[in-house]
PDB file of N, CA and C in Angstrom:
ATOM      1  N   MET A   1     -15.862  11.719   3.846  1.00  0.00           N
ATOM      2  CA  MET A   1     -15.228  11.492   5.130  1.00  0.00           C
ATOM      3  C   MET A   1     -13.959  10.662   4.925  1.00  0.00           C
ATOM      4  N   LYS A   2     -12.889  11.079   5.552  1.00  0.00           N
ATOM      5  CA  LYS A   2     -11.623  10.362   5.439  1.00  0.00           C
ATOM      6  C   LYS A   2     -11.388   9.509   6.675  1.00  0.00           C
ATOM      7  N   THR A   3     -10.784   8.372   6.460  1.00  0.00           N
ATOM      8  CA  THR A   3     -10.426   7.465   7.540  1.00  0.00           C
ATOM      9  C   THR A   3      -8.932   7.207   7.478  1.00  0.00           C
ATOM     10  N   LEU A   4      -8.279   7.290   8.594  1.00  0.00           N
ATOM     11  CA  LEU A   4      -6.849   7.000   8.650  1.00  0.00           C
ATOM     12  C   LEU A   4      -6.637   5.506   8.837  1.00  0.00           C
ATOM     13  N   ILE A   5      -5.689   4.959   8.094  1.00  0.00           N
ATOM     14  CA  ILE A   5      -5.313   3.563   8.272  1.00  0.00           C
ATOM     15  C   ILE A   5      -3.800   3.498   8.461  1.00  0.00           C
ATOM     16  N   THR A   6      -3.374   2.498   9.160  1.00  0.00           N
ATOM     17  CA  THR A   6      -1.954   2.270   9.370  1.00  0.00           C
ATOM     18  C   THR A   6      -1.488   1.210   8.377  1.00  0.00           C
ATOM     19  N   LEU A   7      -0.445   1.536   7.652  1.00  0.00           N
ATOM     20  CA  LEU A   7       0.104   0.612   6.668  1.00  0.00           C
ATOM     21  C   LEU A   7       1.404   0.013   7.178  1.00  0.00           C
ATOM     22  N   LYS A   8       1.651  -1.203   6.803  1.00  0.00           N
ATOM     23  CA  LYS A   8       2.959  -1.819   7.020  1.00  0.00           C
ATOM     24  C   LYS A   8       3.719  -1.646   5.712  1.00  0.00           C
ATOM     25  N   ILE A   9       4.810  -0.873   5.743  1.00  0.00           N
ATOM     26  CA  ILE A   9       5.596  -0.620   4.540  1.00  0.00           C
ATOM     27  C   ILE A   9       6.957  -1.278   4.699  1.00  0.00           C
ATOM     28  N   GLU A  10       7.272  -2.132   3.738  1.00  0.00           N
ATOM     29  CA  GLU A  10       8.555  -2.835   3.751  1.00  0.00           C
ATOM     30  C   GLU A  10       9.384  -2.427   2.547  1.00  0.00           C
ATOM     31  N   ASN A  11      10.684  -2.401   2.747  1.00  0.00           N
ATOM     32  CA  ASN A  11      11.635  -2.030   1.706  1.00  0.00           C
ATOM     33  C   ASN A  11      12.306  -3.295   1.198  1.00  0.00           C
ATOM     34  N   PHE A  12      12.347  -3.458  -0.124  1.00  0.00           N
ATOM     35  CA  PHE A  12      12.969  -4.624  -0.730  1.00  0.00           C
ATOM     36  C   PHE A  12      13.977  -4.180  -1.779  1.00  0.00           C
ATOM     37  N   GLU A  13      14.935  -5.041  -2.049  1.00  0.00           N
ATOM     38  CA  GLU A  13      15.873  -4.811  -3.133  1.00  0.00           C
ATOM     39  C   GLU A  13      16.028  -6.112  -3.895  1.00  0.00           C
ATOM     40  N   GLU A  14      15.864  -6.010  -5.205  1.00  0.00           N
ATOM     41  CA  GLU A  14      15.968  -7.190  -6.056  1.00  0.00           C
ATOM     42  C   GLU A  14      16.715  -6.800  -7.330  1.00  0.00           C
ATOM     43  N   LYS A  15      17.765  -7.527  -7.611  1.00  0.00           N
ATOM     44  CA  LYS A  15      18.592  -7.254  -8.795  1.00  0.00           C
ATOM     45  C   LYS A  15      19.052  -5.804  -8.828  1.00  0.00           C
ATOM     46  N   GLY A  16      19.422  -5.280  -7.652  1.00  0.00           N
ATOM     47  CA  GLY A  16      19.937  -3.925  -7.549  1.00  0.00           C
ATOM     48  C   GLY A  16      18.894  -2.829  -7.603  1.00  0.00           C
ATOM     49  N   LYS A  17      17.617  -3.188  -7.663  1.00  0.00           N
ATOM     50  CA  LYS A  17      16.544  -2.203  -7.732  1.00  0.00           C
ATOM     51  C   LYS A  17      15.767  -2.198  -6.414  1.00  0.00           C
ATOM     52  N   GLU A  18      15.584  -1.015  -5.827  1.00  0.00           N
ATOM     53  CA  GLU A  18      14.865  -0.869  -4.564  1.00  0.00           C
ATOM     54  C   GLU A  18      13.392  -0.567  -4.843  1.00  0.00           C
ATOM     55  N   TYR A  19      12.504  -1.166  -4.039  1.00  0.00           N
ATOM     56  CA  TYR A  19      11.078  -0.868  -4.130  1.00  0.00           C
ATOM     57  C   TYR A  19      10.441  -1.076  -2.768  1.00  0.00           C
ATOM     58  N   PHE A  20       9.203  -0.597  -2.633  1.00  0.00           N
ATOM     59  CA  PHE A  20       8.485  -0.645  -1.368  1.00  0.00           C
ATOM     60  C   PHE A  20       7.162  -1.368  -1.561  1.00  0.00           C
ATOM     61  N   VAL A  21       6.732  -2.102  -0.522  1.00  0.00           N
ATOM     62  CA  VAL A  21       5.460  -2.803  -0.540  1.00  0.00           C
ATOM     63  C   VAL A  21       4.690  -2.414   0.723  1.00  0.00           C
ATOM     64  N   ALA A  22       3.437  -2.012   0.524  1.00  0.00           N
ATOM     65  CA  ALA A  22       2.571  -1.632   1.642  1.00  0.00           C
ATOM     66  C   ALA A  22       1.441  -2.641   1.760  1.00  0.00           C
ATOM     67  N   THR A  23       1.139  -3.034   2.999  1.00  0.00           N
ATOM     68  CA  THR A  23       0.034  -3.961   3.258  1.00  0.00           C
ATOM     69  C   THR A  23      -0.747  -3.497   4.479  1.00  0.00           C
ATOM     70  N   ARG A  24      -1.943  -4.028   4.592  1.00  0.00           N
ATOM     71  CA  ARG A  24      -2.793  -3.796   5.764  1.00  0.00           C
ATOM     72  C   ARG A  24      -3.584  -5.074   5.973  1.00  0.00           C
ATOM     73  N   ASP A  25      -3.260  -5.806   7.045  1.00  0.00           N
ATOM     74  CA  ASP A  25      -3.892  -7.104   7.293  1.00  0.00           C
ATOM     75  C   ASP A  25      -5.408  -7.010   7.429  1.00  0.00           C
ATOM     76  N   GLN A  26      -5.916  -5.913   7.992  1.00  0.00           N
ATOM     77  CA  GLN A  26      -7.355  -5.777   8.244  1.00  0.00           C
ATOM     78  C   GLN A  26      -8.161  -5.467   6.989  1.00  0.00           C
ATOM     79  N   ILE A  27      -7.494  -5.139   5.887  1.00  0.00           N
ATOM     80  CA  ILE A  27      -8.191  -4.903   4.624  1.00  0.00           C
ATOM     81  C   ILE A  27      -7.701  -5.960   3.640  1.00  0.00           C
ATOM     82  N   GLN A  28      -8.509  -7.004   3.493  1.00  0.00           N
ATOM     83  CA  GLN A  28      -8.121  -8.122   2.644  1.00  0.00           C
ATOM     84  C   GLN A  28      -7.861  -7.646   1.222  1.00  0.00           C
ATOM     85  N   GLY A  29      -6.717  -8.028   0.672  1.00  0.00           N
ATOM     86  CA  GLY A  29      -6.374  -7.683  -0.690  1.00  0.00           C
ATOM     87  C   GLY A  29      -5.542  -6.427  -0.832  1.00  0.00           C
ATOM     88  N   LEU A  30      -5.279  -5.733   0.282  1.00  0.00           N
ATOM     89  CA  LEU A  30      -4.504  -4.500   0.183  1.00  0.00           C
ATOM     90  C   LEU A  30      -3.016  -4.829   0.162  1.00  0.00           C
ATOM     91  N   VAL A  31      -2.464  -4.844  -1.029  1.00  0.00           N
ATOM     92  CA  VAL A  31      -1.033  -5.023  -1.258  1.00  0.00           C
ATOM     93  C   VAL A  31      -0.670  -4.057  -2.371  1.00  0.00           C
ATOM     94  N   ALA A  32       0.164  -3.078  -2.053  1.00  0.00           N
ATOM     95  CA  ALA A  32       0.543  -2.067  -3.040  1.00  0.00           C
ATOM     96  C   ALA A  32       2.058  -2.023  -3.160  1.00  0.00           C
ATOM     97  N   GLU A  33       2.536  -1.724  -4.358  1.00  0.00           N
ATOM     98  CA  GLU A  33       3.978  -1.654  -4.609  1.00  0.00           C
ATOM     99  C   GLU A  33       4.307  -0.325  -5.273  1.00  0.00           C
ATOM    100  N   GLY A  34       5.479   0.232  -4.922  1.00  0.00           N
ATOM    101  CA  GLY A  34       5.906   1.473  -5.549  1.00  0.00           C
ATOM    102  C   GLY A  34       7.409   1.641  -5.470  1.00  0.00           C
ATOM    103  N   ASN A  35       7.937   2.541  -6.291  1.00  0.00           N
ATOM    104  CA  ASN A  35       9.374   2.798  -6.317  1.00  0.00           C
ATOM    105  C   ASN A  35       9.830   3.722  -5.195  1.00  0.00           C
ATOM    106  N   THR A  36       8.888   4.493  -4.625  1.00  0.00           N
ATOM    107  CA  THR A  36       9.192   5.393  -3.503  1.00  0.00           C
ATOM    108  C   THR A  36       8.144   5.200  -2.421  1.00  0.00           C
ATOM    109  N   ILE A  37       8.444   5.683  -1.221  1.00  0.00           N
ATOM    110  CA  ILE A  37       7.465   5.586  -0.133  1.00  0.00           C
ATOM    111  C   ILE A  37       6.217   6.389  -0.487  1.00  0.00           C
ATOM    112  N   GLU A  38       6.403   7.578  -1.055  1.00  0.00           N
ATOM    113  CA  GLU A  38       5.270   8.418  -1.425  1.00  0.00           C
ATOM    114  C   GLU A  38       4.364   7.708  -2.437  1.00  0.00           C
ATOM    115  N   GLU A  39       4.985   7.064  -3.412  1.00  0.00           N
ATOM    116  CA  GLU A  39       4.231   6.353  -4.444  1.00  0.00           C
ATOM    117  C   GLU A  39       3.450   5.185  -3.858  1.00  0.00           C
ATOM    118  N   VAL A  40       4.072   4.424  -2.975  1.00  0.00           N
ATOM    119  CA  VAL A  40       3.381   3.261  -2.406  1.00  0.00           C
ATOM    120  C   VAL A  40       2.243   3.708  -1.482  1.00  0.00           C
ATOM    121  N   ILE A  41       2.401   4.818  -0.778  1.00  0.00           N
ATOM    122  CA  ILE A  41       1.321   5.323   0.077  1.00  0.00           C
ATOM    123  C   ILE A  41       0.143   5.778  -0.776  1.00  0.00           C
ATOM    124  N   GLU A  42       0.416   6.476  -1.854  1.00  0.00           N
ATOM    125  CA  GLU A  42      -0.656   6.945  -2.743  1.00  0.00           C
ATOM    126  C   GLU A  42      -1.396   5.764  -3.370  1.00  0.00           C
ATOM    127  N   THR A  43      -0.652   4.783  -3.848  1.00  0.00           N
ATOM    128  CA  THR A  43      -1.265   3.598  -4.450  1.00  0.00           C
ATOM    129  C   THR A  43      -2.094   2.832  -3.427  1.00  0.00           C
ATOM    130  N   ALA A  44      -1.558   2.658  -2.221  1.00  0.00           N
ATOM    131  CA  ALA A  44      -2.280   1.937  -1.164  1.00  0.00           C
ATOM    132  C   ALA A  44      -3.552   2.677  -0.771  1.00  0.00           C
ATOM    133  N   SER A  45      -3.483   3.995  -0.722  1.00  0.00           N
ATOM    134  CA  SER A  45      -4.659   4.801  -0.379  1.00  0.00           C
ATOM    135  C   SER A  45      -5.771   4.608  -1.403  1.00  0.00           C
ATOM    136  N   ASP A  46      -5.417   4.687  -2.679  1.00  0.00           N
ATOM    137  CA  ASP A  46      -6.408   4.489  -3.743  1.00  0.00           C
ATOM    138  C   ASP A  46      -6.992   3.077  -3.691  1.00  0.00           C
ATOM    139  N   LEU A  47      -6.138   2.095  -3.489  1.00  0.00           N
ATOM    140  CA  LEU A  47      -6.591   0.708  -3.424  1.00  0.00           C
ATOM    141  C   LEU A  47      -7.494   0.477  -2.213  1.00  0.00           C
ATOM    142  N   ALA A  48      -7.147   1.046  -1.068  1.00  0.00           N
ATOM    143  CA  ALA A  48      -7.963   0.896   0.140  1.00  0.00           C
ATOM    144  C   ALA A  48      -9.367   1.452  -0.087  1.00  0.00           C
ATOM    145  N   LYS A  49      -9.456   2.606  -0.733  1.00  0.00           N
ATOM    146  CA  LYS A  49     -10.773   3.196  -1.025  1.00  0.00           C
ATOM    147  C   LYS A  49     -11.614   2.246  -1.865  1.00  0.00           C
ATOM    148  N   MET A  50     -11.005   1.690  -2.903  1.00  0.00           N
ATOM    149  CA  MET A  50     -11.743   0.764  -3.769  1.00  0.00           C
ATOM    150  C   MET A  50     -12.181  -0.489  -3.019  1.00  0.00           C
ATOM    151  N   LEU A  51     -11.300  -1.048  -2.208  1.00  0.00           N
ATOM    152  CA  LEU A  51     -11.620  -2.282  -1.484  1.00  0.00           C
ATOM    153  C   LEU A  51     -12.717  -2.051  -0.451  1.00  0.00           C
ATOM    154  N   VAL A  52     -12.699  -0.921   0.229  1.00  0.00           N
ATOM    155  CA  VAL A  52     -13.723  -0.620   1.227  1.00  0.00           C
ATOM    156  C   VAL A  52     -15.073  -0.410   0.544  1.00  0.00           C
ATOM    157  N   GLU A  53     -15.066   0.249  -0.609  1.00  0.00           N
ATOM    158  CA  GLU A  53     -16.319   0.463  -1.347  1.00  0.00           C
ATOM    159  C   GLU A  53     -16.938  -0.846  -1.821  1.00  0.00           C
ATOM    160  N   LEU A  54     -16.112  -1.851  -2.097  1.00  0.00           N
ATOM    161  CA  LEU A  54     -16.620  -3.143  -2.568  1.00  0.00           C
ATOM    162  C   LEU A  54     -17.305  -3.944  -1.476  1.00  0.00           C
ATOM    163  N   LYS A  55     -17.013  -3.637  -0.229  1.00  0.00           N
ATOM    164  CA  LYS A  55     -17.609  -4.404   0.884  1.00  0.00           C
ATOM    165  C   LYS A  55     -19.067  -4.119   1.045  1.00  0.00           C
TER     166      LYS A  55
END
């Protein structure tokens, strides 16, 4: 069964390099980083599954 979650995705630039960070306040520990939006969503999805299973 799949569950939809809403992520907060922020765009950052540091030393000329752009990256994205995704978080979800309701899932403690969910902080994912990626070079593209697609990458950060995929990483956050995998991390969310692991964190929910640990509960």
